Amino acid sequence: MDSTDHRLIAALRHDARASLSDLAATLGLSRTTVRARIEKLQRAGDIIGFSVVLREDAARDPVRALMMIGIEGRGTDRVLRQLGGFPEVRALHSTNGRWDVIAELGTDSLEKLDEVLARIRRLDGVATSETSLLLSTRKAARQPVGSA
């Protein structure tokens, strides 16, 4: 990818529904060039899909947080299985560094979030944790087209 491809991807991330004409004007390119570059990026697998974010998706979890979790010993698989059963856990990520797991949490109130945090902290094997509230999201990762 060259700098033009990166600029095109940035424009699509800003508004994936922008017309070819609007993208061409924004980037100072012809519509044909924009179309050819998008098709090339799709064929190469750099662009794997486009998605829609619904208002109801954002409203579902008015309180969102990232909980970084340190796990003692070899209990990671067990803790991950238990976390997977929590309906408030939206995603689980293994990581390196200080934390073993990062859990994305979503609830409808701070009180519910506090309850979930307490339940997670009581899990056998959870040694330490740190939680940050998500105040706003500027860009969210989307599932590729065809995944469920």
C-alpha atoms as a PDB file:
ATOM      1  CA  MET A   1       0.000   0.000   0.000  1.00  0.00           C
ATOM      2  CA  ASP A   2       1.205   3.451  -0.813  1.00  0.00           C
ATOM      3  CA  SER A   3       0.293   6.797   0.771  1.00  0.00           C
ATOM      4  CA  THR A   4      -2.705   7.213  -1.555  1.00  0.00           C
ATOM      5  CA  ASP A   5      -4.101   3.852  -0.429  1.00  0.00           C
ATOM      6  CA  HIS A   6      -3.629   4.899   3.194  1.00  0.00           C
ATOM      7  CA  ARG A   7      -5.447   8.196   2.529  1.00  0.00           C
ATOM      8  CA  LEU A   8      -8.261   6.294   0.796  1.00  0.00           C
ATOM      9  CA  ILE A   9      -8.613   3.888   3.723  1.00  0.00           C
ATOM     10  CA  ALA A  10      -8.672   6.825   6.153  1.00  0.00           C
ATOM     11  CA  ALA A  11     -11.455   8.438   4.116  1.00  0.00           C
ATOM     12  CA  LEU A  12     -13.423   5.164   4.059  1.00  0.00           C
ATOM     13  CA  ARG A  13     -12.978   4.753   7.813  1.00  0.00           C
ATOM     14  CA  HIS A  14     -14.422   8.220   8.244  1.00  0.00           C
ATOM     15  CA  ASP A  15     -17.389   7.466   5.968  1.00  0.00           C
ATOM     16  CA  ALA A  16     -17.570   4.034   4.329  1.00  0.00           C
ATOM     17  CA  ARG A  17     -20.745   5.121   2.538  1.00  0.00           C
ATOM     18  CA  ALA A  18     -19.090   8.055   0.746  1.00  0.00           C
ATOM     19  CA  SER A  19     -19.697   8.004  -2.984  1.00  0.00           C
ATOM     20  CA  LEU A  20     -16.849   7.430  -5.406  1.00  0.00           C
ATOM     21  CA  SER A  21     -17.283  11.039  -6.540  1.00  0.00           C
ATOM     22  CA  ASP A  22     -16.961  12.355  -2.974  1.00  0.00           C
ATOM     23  CA  LEU A  23     -13.924  10.172  -2.288  1.00  0.00           C
ATOM     24  CA  ALA A  24     -12.331  11.295  -5.555  1.00  0.00           C
ATOM     25  CA  ALA A  25     -12.887  14.958  -4.688  1.00  0.00           C
ATOM     26  CA  THR A  26     -11.543  14.502  -1.160  1.00  0.00           C
ATOM     27  CA  LEU A  27      -8.418  12.716  -2.388  1.00  0.00           C
ATOM     28  CA  GLY A  28      -7.858  14.733  -5.564  1.00  0.00           C
ATOM     29  CA  LEU A  29      -8.191  11.627  -7.740  1.00  0.00           C
ATOM     30  CA  SER A  30     -10.495  10.524 -10.538  1.00  0.00           C
ATOM     31  CA  ARG A  31     -13.507   8.306  -9.800  1.00  0.00           C
ATOM     32  CA  THR A  32     -11.948   5.598 -11.965  1.00  0.00           C
ATOM     33  CA  THR A  33      -8.751   5.666  -9.905  1.00  0.00           C
ATOM     34  CA  VAL A  34     -10.677   5.502  -6.627  1.00  0.00           C
ATOM     35  CA  ARG A  35     -12.764   2.564  -7.851  1.00  0.00           C
ATOM     36  CA  ALA A  36      -9.681   0.728  -9.146  1.00  0.00           C
ATOM     37  CA  ARG A  37      -7.831   1.252  -5.853  1.00  0.00           C
ATOM     38  CA  ILE A  38     -10.785   0.034  -3.761  1.00  0.00           C
ATOM     39  CA  GLU A  39     -11.111  -3.057  -5.959  1.00  0.00           C
ATOM     40  CA  LYS A  40      -7.353  -3.679  -5.723  1.00  0.00           C
ATOM     41  CA  LEU A  41      -7.456  -3.365  -1.912  1.00  0.00           C
ATOM     42  CA  GLN A  42     -10.387  -5.798  -1.776  1.00  0.00           C
ATOM     43  CA  ARG A  43      -8.664  -8.343  -4.039  1.00  0.00           C
ATOM     44  CA  ALA A  44      -5.500  -8.122  -1.923  1.00  0.00           C
ATOM     45  CA  GLY A  45      -7.538  -8.714   1.221  1.00  0.00           C
ATOM     46  CA  ASP A  46      -6.632  -5.355   2.750  1.00  0.00           C
ATOM     47  CA  ILE A  47     -10.308  -4.366   2.711  1.00  0.00           C
ATOM     48  CA  ILE A  48     -12.384  -7.353   3.761  1.00  0.00           C
ATOM     49  CA  GLY A  49     -15.754  -5.695   4.163  1.00  0.00           C
ATOM     50  CA  PHE A  50     -17.872  -2.757   5.131  1.00  0.00           C
ATOM     51  CA  SER A  51     -20.234  -2.579   8.077  1.00  0.00           C
ATOM     52  CA  VAL A  52     -23.038  -0.605   9.624  1.00  0.00           C
ATOM     53  CA  VAL A  53     -23.235   0.519  13.256  1.00  0.00           C
ATOM     54  CA  LEU A  54     -26.796   0.873  14.485  1.00  0.00           C
ATOM     55  CA  ARG A  55     -27.923   3.295  17.165  1.00  0.00           C
ATOM     56  CA  GLU A  56     -29.369   0.325  19.089  1.00  0.00           C
ATOM     57  CA  ASP A  57     -25.903  -1.273  19.169  1.00  0.00           C
ATOM     58  CA  ALA A  58     -24.477   1.811  20.867  1.00  0.00           C
ATOM     59  CA  ALA A  59     -27.494   2.212  23.163  1.00  0.00           C
ATOM     60  CA  ARG A  60     -27.387  -1.425  24.301  1.00  0.00           C
ATOM     61  CA  ASP A  61     -24.430  -0.776  26.591  1.00  0.00           C
ATOM     62  CA  PRO A  62     -24.519   2.766  27.917  1.00  0.00           C
ATOM     63  CA  VAL A  63     -21.809   1.781  30.424  1.00  0.00           C
ATOM     64  CA  ARG A  64     -18.752   0.160  28.871  1.00  0.00           C
ATOM     65  CA  ALA A  65     -15.394  -0.696  30.360  1.00  0.00           C
ATOM     66  CA  LEU A  66     -12.137  -2.501  29.756  1.00  0.00           C
ATOM     67  CA  MET A  67     -11.044  -4.733  32.604  1.00  0.00           C
ATOM     68  CA  MET A  68      -7.407  -5.767  32.580  1.00  0.00           C
ATOM     69  CA  ILE A  69      -6.969  -9.018  34.499  1.00  0.00           C
ATOM     70  CA  GLY A  70      -3.901 -10.667  35.978  1.00  0.00           C
ATOM     71  CA  ILE A  71      -4.241 -14.420  36.496  1.00  0.00           C
ATOM     72  CA  GLU A  72      -2.184 -16.450  38.925  1.00  0.00           C
ATOM     73  CA  GLY A  73      -0.546 -19.703  37.957  1.00  0.00           C
ATOM     74  CA  ARG A  74      -1.876 -21.693  35.042  1.00  0.00           C
ATOM     75  CA  GLY A  75      -5.515 -20.776  35.470  1.00  0.00           C
ATOM     76  CA  THR A  76      -5.926 -18.727  32.306  1.00  0.00           C
ATOM     77  CA  ASP A  77      -7.980 -21.288  30.344  1.00  0.00           C
ATOM     78  CA  ARG A  78     -10.322 -21.853  33.282  1.00  0.00           C
ATOM     79  CA  VAL A  79     -10.776 -18.125  33.902  1.00  0.00           C
ATOM     80  CA  LEU A  80     -11.425 -17.510  30.190  1.00  0.00           C
ATOM     81  CA  ARG A  81     -14.108 -20.243  30.184  1.00  0.00           C
ATOM     82  CA  GLN A  82     -15.762 -18.678  33.224  1.00  0.00           C
ATOM     83  CA  LEU A  83     -15.603 -15.168  31.760  1.00  0.00           C
ATOM     84  CA  GLY A  84     -17.156 -16.482  28.560  1.00  0.00           C
ATOM     85  CA  GLY A  85     -20.263 -17.324  30.575  1.00  0.00           C
ATOM     86  CA  PHE A  86     -20.794 -13.748  31.754  1.00  0.00           C
ATOM     87  CA  PRO A  87     -23.453 -12.074  29.571  1.00  0.00           C
ATOM     88  CA  GLU A  88     -21.847  -8.668  30.276  1.00  0.00           C
ATOM     89  CA  VAL A  89     -18.536  -9.750  28.691  1.00  0.00           C
ATOM     90  CA  ARG A  90     -18.597  -8.498  25.094  1.00  0.00           C
ATOM     91  CA  ALA A  91     -15.095  -9.683  24.106  1.00  0.00           C
ATOM     92  CA  LEU A  92     -12.034 -11.320  25.628  1.00  0.00           C
ATOM     93  CA  HIS A  93      -8.478 -10.642  24.520  1.00  0.00           C
ATOM     94  CA  SER A  94      -5.306 -12.412  25.563  1.00  0.00           C
ATOM     95  CA  THR A  95      -2.352 -10.080  25.733  1.00  0.00           C
ATOM     96  CA  ASN A  96       1.260  -9.838  26.751  1.00  0.00           C
ATOM     97  CA  GLY A  97       2.856  -7.555  29.288  1.00  0.00           C
ATOM     98  CA  ARG A  98       1.452  -6.789  32.716  1.00  0.00           C
ATOM     99  CA  TRP A  99      -2.049  -8.193  32.098  1.00  0.00           C
ATOM    100  CA  ASP A 100      -3.005 -11.670  30.967  1.00  0.00           C
ATOM    101  CA  VAL A 101      -6.518 -10.921  29.710  1.00  0.00           C
ATOM    102  CA  ILE A 102      -8.499  -7.847  28.751  1.00  0.00           C
ATOM    103  CA  ALA A 103     -12.282  -8.148  29.026  1.00  0.00           C
ATOM    104  CA  GLU A 104     -14.597  -5.724  27.248  1.00  0.00           C
ATOM    105  CA  LEU A 105     -17.653  -5.247  29.439  1.00  0.00           C
ATOM    106  CA  GLY A 106     -21.044  -3.682  28.768  1.00  0.00           C
ATOM    107  CA  THR A 107     -23.899  -2.994  31.192  1.00  0.00           C
ATOM    108  CA  ASP A 108     -26.898  -0.712  31.450  1.00  0.00           C
ATOM    109  CA  SER A 109     -25.752   1.035  34.659  1.00  0.00           C
ATOM    110  CA  LEU A 110     -22.723   1.745  36.820  1.00  0.00           C
ATOM    111  CA  GLU A 111     -24.276  -0.328  39.595  1.00  0.00           C
ATOM    112  CA  LYS A 112     -24.482  -3.371  37.298  1.00  0.00           C
ATOM    113  CA  LEU A 113     -20.905  -2.800  36.176  1.00  0.00           C
ATOM    114  CA  ASP A 114     -19.792  -2.688  39.821  1.00  0.00           C
ATOM    115  CA  GLU A 115     -21.570  -6.016  40.453  1.00  0.00           C
ATOM    116  CA  VAL A 116     -19.907  -7.642  37.431  1.00  0.00           C
ATOM    117  CA  LEU A 117     -16.479  -6.371  38.450  1.00  0.00           C
ATOM    118  CA  ALA A 118     -16.946  -7.817  41.942  1.00  0.00           C
ATOM    119  CA  ARG A 119     -18.039 -11.208  40.521  1.00  0.00           C
ATOM    120  CA  ILE A 120     -15.032 -11.334  38.200  1.00  0.00           C
ATOM    121  CA  ARG A 121     -12.602 -10.373  40.970  1.00  0.00           C
ATOM    122  CA  ARG A 122     -13.927 -13.284  43.070  1.00  0.00           C
ATOM    123  CA  LEU A 123     -13.162 -15.876  40.373  1.00  0.00           C
ATOM    124  CA  ASP A 124     -10.584 -18.423  41.481  1.00  0.00           C
ATOM    125  CA  GLY A 125      -7.330 -17.539  39.732  1.00  0.00           C
ATOM    126  CA  VAL A 126      -7.954 -13.810  39.288  1.00  0.00           C
ATOM    127  CA  ALA A 127      -5.057 -12.208  41.157  1.00  0.00           C
ATOM    128  CA  THR A 128      -5.274  -8.551  40.142  1.00  0.00           C
ATOM    129  CA  SER A 129      -7.344  -6.283  37.944  1.00  0.00           C
ATOM    130  CA  GLU A 130      -7.652  -2.738  36.755  1.00  0.00           C
ATOM    131  CA  THR A 131     -10.713  -1.289  35.046  1.00  0.00           C
ATOM    132  CA  SER A 132     -11.127   1.750  32.833  1.00  0.00           C
ATOM    133  CA  LEU A 133     -14.514   3.149  31.817  1.00  0.00           C
ATOM    134  CA  LEU A 134     -14.912   3.826  28.109  1.00  0.00           C
ATOM    135  CA  LEU A 135     -16.184   7.373  27.746  1.00  0.00           C
ATOM    136  CA  SER A 136     -16.533   7.488  23.963  1.00  0.00           C
ATOM    137  CA  THR A 137     -15.538   5.495  20.906  1.00  0.00           C
ATOM    138  CA  ARG A 138     -14.041   7.283  17.921  1.00  0.00           C
ATOM    139  CA  LYS A 139     -13.458   4.139  15.848  1.00  0.00           C
ATOM    140  CA  ALA A 140     -14.644   0.619  16.490  1.00  0.00           C
ATOM    141  CA  ALA A 141     -13.399  -2.568  14.938  1.00  0.00           C
ATOM    142  CA  ARG A 142     -16.054  -4.326  12.914  1.00  0.00           C
ATOM    143  CA  GLN A 143     -16.549  -7.989  12.167  1.00  0.00           C
ATOM    144  CA  PRO A 144     -15.584  -8.938   8.629  1.00  0.00           C
ATOM    145  CA  VAL A 145     -18.382  -9.552   6.195  1.00  0.00           C
ATOM    146  CA  GLY A 146     -19.530 -13.144   6.456  1.00  0.00           C
ATOM    147  CA  SER A 147     -18.397 -13.676  10.056  1.00  0.00           C
ATOM    148  CA  ALA A 148     -20.848 -14.225  12.845  1.00  0.00           C
END
